[in-house]
């Protein structure tokens, strides 16, 4: 969970900074970078959620069956 929290903080900082750089410079590459960062963050969070569900329900159910 600590890794996930650290990732959320870093992604939020990246999004805010790249958004601020876009507002200040009107350079489209900062907005594209923010979009790529957001997509990556969502992908990583979905992978963590899938692993959490796998651990919580599938592996716990497997232990009950044994």
C-alpha atoms as a PDB file:
ATOM      1  CA  UNK A   1       0.000   0.000   0.000  1.00  0.00           C
ATOM      2  CA  UNK A   2       2.895   2.338   0.678  1.00  0.00           C
ATOM      3  CA  UNK A   3       4.112   1.938  -2.898  1.00  0.00           C
ATOM      4  CA  UNK A   4       0.651   2.735  -4.229  1.00  0.00           C
ATOM      5  CA  UNK A   5       0.400   5.873  -2.090  1.00  0.00           C
ATOM      6  CA  UNK A   6       3.845   7.007  -3.194  1.00  0.00           C
ATOM      7  CA  UNK A   7       2.859   6.413  -6.803  1.00  0.00           C
ATOM      8  CA  UNK A   8      -0.329   8.460  -6.389  1.00  0.00           C
ATOM      9  CA  UNK A   9       1.600  11.351  -4.842  1.00  0.00           C
ATOM     10  CA  UNK A  10       4.225  11.303  -7.598  1.00  0.00           C
ATOM     11  CA  UNK A  11       1.648  11.070 -10.369  1.00  0.00           C
ATOM     12  CA  UNK A  12      -0.347  13.925  -8.870  1.00  0.00           C
ATOM     13  CA  UNK A  13       2.779  16.064  -8.669  1.00  0.00           C
ATOM     14  CA  UNK A  14       3.644  15.236 -12.292  1.00  0.00           C
ATOM     15  CA  UNK A  15       0.146  16.089 -13.473  1.00  0.00           C
ATOM     16  CA  UNK A  16       0.037  19.387 -11.590  1.00  0.00           C
ATOM     17  CA  UNK A  17       3.502  20.426 -12.736  1.00  0.00           C
ATOM     18  CA  UNK A  18       2.917  19.534 -16.364  1.00  0.00           C
ATOM     19  CA  UNK A  19      -0.452  21.303 -16.267  1.00  0.00           C
ATOM     20  CA  UNK A  20       1.190  24.392 -14.818  1.00  0.00           C
ATOM     21  CA  UNK A  21       3.908  24.274 -17.465  1.00  0.00           C
ATOM     22  CA  UNK A  22       1.257  24.056 -20.181  1.00  0.00           C
ATOM     23  CA  UNK A  23      -0.567  27.072 -18.755  1.00  0.00           C
ATOM     24  CA  UNK A  24       2.652  29.076 -18.516  1.00  0.00           C
ATOM     25  CA  UNK A  25       4.177  28.177 -21.880  1.00  0.00           C
ATOM     26  CA  UNK A  26       1.164  27.067 -23.981  1.00  0.00           C
ATOM     27  CA  UNK A  27       3.404  24.286 -25.287  1.00  0.00           C
ATOM     28  CA  UNK A  28       1.290  21.272 -26.261  1.00  0.00           C
ATOM     29  CA  UNK A  29       3.985  18.736 -25.300  1.00  0.00           C
ATOM     30  CA  UNK A  30       3.304  19.335 -21.591  1.00  0.00           C
ATOM     31  CA  UNK A  31      -0.374  18.550 -22.072  1.00  0.00           C
ATOM     32  CA  UNK A  32       0.504  15.396 -24.010  1.00  0.00           C
ATOM     33  CA  UNK A  33       2.893  14.377 -21.238  1.00  0.00           C
ATOM     34  CA  UNK A  34       0.151  14.912 -18.648  1.00  0.00           C
ATOM     35  CA  UNK A  35      -2.225  12.726 -20.686  1.00  0.00           C
ATOM     36  CA  UNK A  36       0.378   9.951 -20.980  1.00  0.00           C
ATOM     37  CA  UNK A  37       1.099  10.173 -17.264  1.00  0.00           C
ATOM     38  CA  UNK A  38      -2.596   9.932 -16.430  1.00  0.00           C
ATOM     39  CA  UNK A  39      -3.054   6.883 -18.662  1.00  0.00           C
ATOM     40  CA  UNK A  40      -0.018   5.195 -17.097  1.00  0.00           C
ATOM     41  CA  UNK A  41      -1.257   5.952 -13.583  1.00  0.00           C
ATOM     42  CA  UNK A  42      -4.683   4.493 -14.326  1.00  0.00           C
ATOM     43  CA  UNK A  43      -3.077   1.379 -15.807  1.00  0.00           C
ATOM     44  CA  UNK A  44      -0.836   0.871 -12.775  1.00  0.00           C
ATOM     45  CA  UNK A  45      -3.731   1.410 -10.355  1.00  0.00           C
ATOM     46  CA  UNK A  46      -5.834  -1.120 -12.269  1.00  0.00           C
ATOM     47  CA  UNK A  47      -3.006  -3.667 -12.085  1.00  0.00           C
ATOM     48  CA  UNK A  48      -2.671  -3.114  -8.335  1.00  0.00           C
ATOM     49  CA  UNK A  49      -6.439  -3.447  -7.926  1.00  0.00           C
ATOM     50  CA  UNK A  50      -6.440  -6.688  -9.904  1.00  0.00           C
ATOM     51  CA  UNK A  51      -3.624  -8.078  -7.778  1.00  0.00           C
ATOM     52  CA  UNK A  52      -5.459  -7.034  -4.619  1.00  0.00           C
ATOM     53  CA  UNK A  53      -8.644  -8.779  -5.746  1.00  0.00           C
ATOM     54  CA  UNK A  54      -6.638 -11.843  -6.735  1.00  0.00           C
ATOM     55  CA  UNK A  55      -4.960 -12.001  -3.348  1.00  0.00           C
ATOM     56  CA  UNK A  56      -8.074 -11.225  -1.379  1.00  0.00           C
ATOM     57  CA  UNK A  57     -10.605 -13.541  -2.976  1.00  0.00           C
ATOM     58  CA  UNK A  58      -8.976 -16.073  -5.253  1.00  0.00           C
ATOM     59  CA  UNK A  59      -6.024 -17.077  -3.105  1.00  0.00           C
ATOM     60  CA  UNK A  60      -8.075 -16.923   0.113  1.00  0.00           C
ATOM     61  CA  UNK A  61     -10.690 -19.140  -1.507  1.00  0.00           C
ATOM     62  CA  UNK A  62      -7.969 -21.519  -2.627  1.00  0.00           C
ATOM     63  CA  UNK A  63      -6.741 -21.872   0.991  1.00  0.00           C
ATOM     64  CA  UNK A  64     -10.256 -22.711   2.146  1.00  0.00           C
ATOM     65  CA  UNK A  65     -10.493 -25.496  -0.421  1.00  0.00           C
ATOM     66  CA  UNK A  66      -7.239 -27.088   0.717  1.00  0.00           C
END
